[in-house]
Amino acid sequence: MGGSVVNKKEKMSCLAGSGKSSSCCKVESLISVDERGQMVLPKDLREKANIKPGDKLAVISWEKDGATCCFTLIKADSLTGGIRDFLGPMMQDLSKGETK
């Protein structure tokens, strides 16, 4: 991997200032992107989320200071209930940390 080194604080900028770990968010796995832009979601995570072949996932991007810092994957079936209802509690938890 080439390029400049990014320190841990910069990598965590999406959650910077939270001062606590969120009850809904945690690092589950580290995955790699290949030269074609493809990624593999590990089997244990697919099983945990009940993701089956053919399922559709919505990709939600999160921005901070004009730059995309995070992505969230949501099963498309879950979007029928409304994305605000689904993401609302997580967004509130993250924003509480930014205001402190």
Protein backbone atom coordinates (compact mmCIF):
# COMPACT_ATOMS: atom_id res chain seq x y z
CA MET A 1 0.00 0.00 0.00
CA GLY A 2 1.51 3.30 -1.05
CA GLY A 3 0.58 6.87 -0.41
CA SER A 4 0.71 9.05 2.64
CA VAL A 5 0.30 7.71 6.14
CA VAL A 6 -2.90 8.75 7.89
CA ASN A 7 -2.79 8.79 11.67
CA LYS A 8 -5.39 7.00 13.79
CA LYS A 9 -7.11 10.23 14.84
CA GLU A 10 -7.67 11.26 11.19
CA LYS A 11 -9.02 7.80 10.30
CA MET A 12 -11.52 8.05 13.15
CA SER A 13 -12.69 11.55 12.17
CA CYS A 14 -16.21 10.31 11.50
CA LEU A 15 -16.54 9.42 15.18
CA ALA A 16 -14.14 11.99 16.58
CA GLY A 17 -15.29 13.65 19.74
CA SER A 18 -17.69 10.91 20.76
CA GLY A 19 -15.60 10.03 23.80
CA LYS A 20 -17.43 6.71 24.13
CA SER A 21 -18.16 3.70 22.03
CA SER A 22 -21.60 3.58 20.51
CA SER A 23 -23.87 0.73 21.48
CA CYS A 24 -24.87 0.22 17.85
CA CYS A 25 -21.57 0.68 16.02
CA LYS A 26 -18.44 -1.43 16.16
CA VAL A 27 -15.72 -2.63 13.84
CA GLU A 28 -16.75 -6.13 12.79
CA SER A 29 -14.05 -6.87 10.24
CA LEU A 30 -11.40 -5.36 8.00
CA ILE A 31 -11.84 -6.08 4.31
CA SER A 32 -9.74 -5.28 1.26
CA VAL A 33 -10.73 -3.71 -2.04
CA ASP A 34 -9.16 -5.38 -5.07
CA GLU A 35 -7.94 -3.68 -8.24
CA ARG A 36 -11.43 -3.97 -9.77
CA GLY A 37 -13.04 -2.28 -6.76
CA GLN A 38 -14.58 -5.48 -5.43
CA MET A 39 -14.85 -6.48 -1.78
CA VAL A 40 -15.84 -9.68 -0.01
CA LEU A 41 -18.18 -9.51 2.97
CA PRO A 42 -16.93 -12.27 5.29
CA LYS A 43 -19.11 -15.35 5.65
CA ASP A 44 -19.60 -14.95 9.41
CA LEU A 45 -20.96 -11.41 8.88
CA ARG A 46 -23.25 -12.52 6.05
CA GLU A 47 -24.62 -15.26 8.29
CA LYS A 48 -25.00 -12.88 11.26
CA ALA A 49 -26.97 -10.42 9.09
CA ASN A 50 -28.85 -13.19 7.26
CA ILE A 51 -27.55 -11.97 3.89
CA LYS A 52 -28.18 -14.54 1.17
CA PRO A 53 -27.05 -14.72 -2.48
CA GLY A 54 -29.20 -12.36 -4.55
CA ASP A 55 -30.02 -10.02 -1.63
CA LYS A 56 -29.71 -6.32 -2.43
CA LEU A 57 -27.81 -3.99 -0.11
CA ALA A 58 -28.21 -0.21 -0.05
CA VAL A 59 -24.99 1.73 0.49
CA ILE A 60 -25.44 4.84 2.66
CA SER A 61 -22.56 7.31 2.73
CA TRP A 62 -21.74 9.49 5.72
CA GLU A 63 -19.97 12.81 5.33
CA LYS A 64 -18.00 14.93 7.75
CA ASP A 65 -16.42 18.24 6.79
CA GLY A 66 -17.28 17.67 3.12
CA ALA A 67 -15.55 14.28 2.84
CA THR A 68 -17.07 10.81 2.87
CA CYS A 69 -15.84 9.11 6.04
CA CYS A 70 -18.09 6.07 6.42
CA PHE A 71 -20.39 3.73 4.55
CA THR A 72 -23.30 1.79 5.99
CA LEU A 73 -24.78 -1.29 4.30
CA ILE A 74 -28.50 -1.89 4.79
CA LYS A 75 -30.53 -4.76 3.39
CA ALA A 76 -32.83 -3.23 0.79
CA ASP A 77 -35.80 -5.05 2.35
CA SER A 78 -35.25 -2.98 5.52
CA LEU A 79 -35.67 0.29 3.64
CA THR A 80 -39.42 -0.19 3.29
CA GLY A 81 -39.82 0.96 6.91
CA GLY A 82 -38.04 4.22 6.17
CA ILE A 83 -34.38 4.98 6.40
CA ARG A 84 -34.84 7.74 8.98
CA ASP A 85 -36.49 5.30 11.40
CA PHE A 86 -33.71 2.77 10.78
CA LEU A 87 -30.74 5.15 11.04
CA GLY A 88 -32.23 7.78 13.37
CA PRO A 89 -31.01 6.34 16.69
CA MET A 90 -27.48 5.79 15.32
CA MET A 91 -27.33 9.31 13.88
CA GLN A 92 -28.50 10.81 17.19
CA ASP A 93 -25.87 8.87 19.11
CA LEU A 94 -23.10 10.03 16.76
CA SER A 95 -24.25 13.65 16.80
CA LYS A 96 -24.32 13.72 20.63
CA GLY A 97 -20.62 12.93 20.61
CA GLU A 98 -19.84 15.74 18.13
CA THR A 99 -21.60 18.41 20.21
CA LYS A 100 -19.67 17.66 23.41
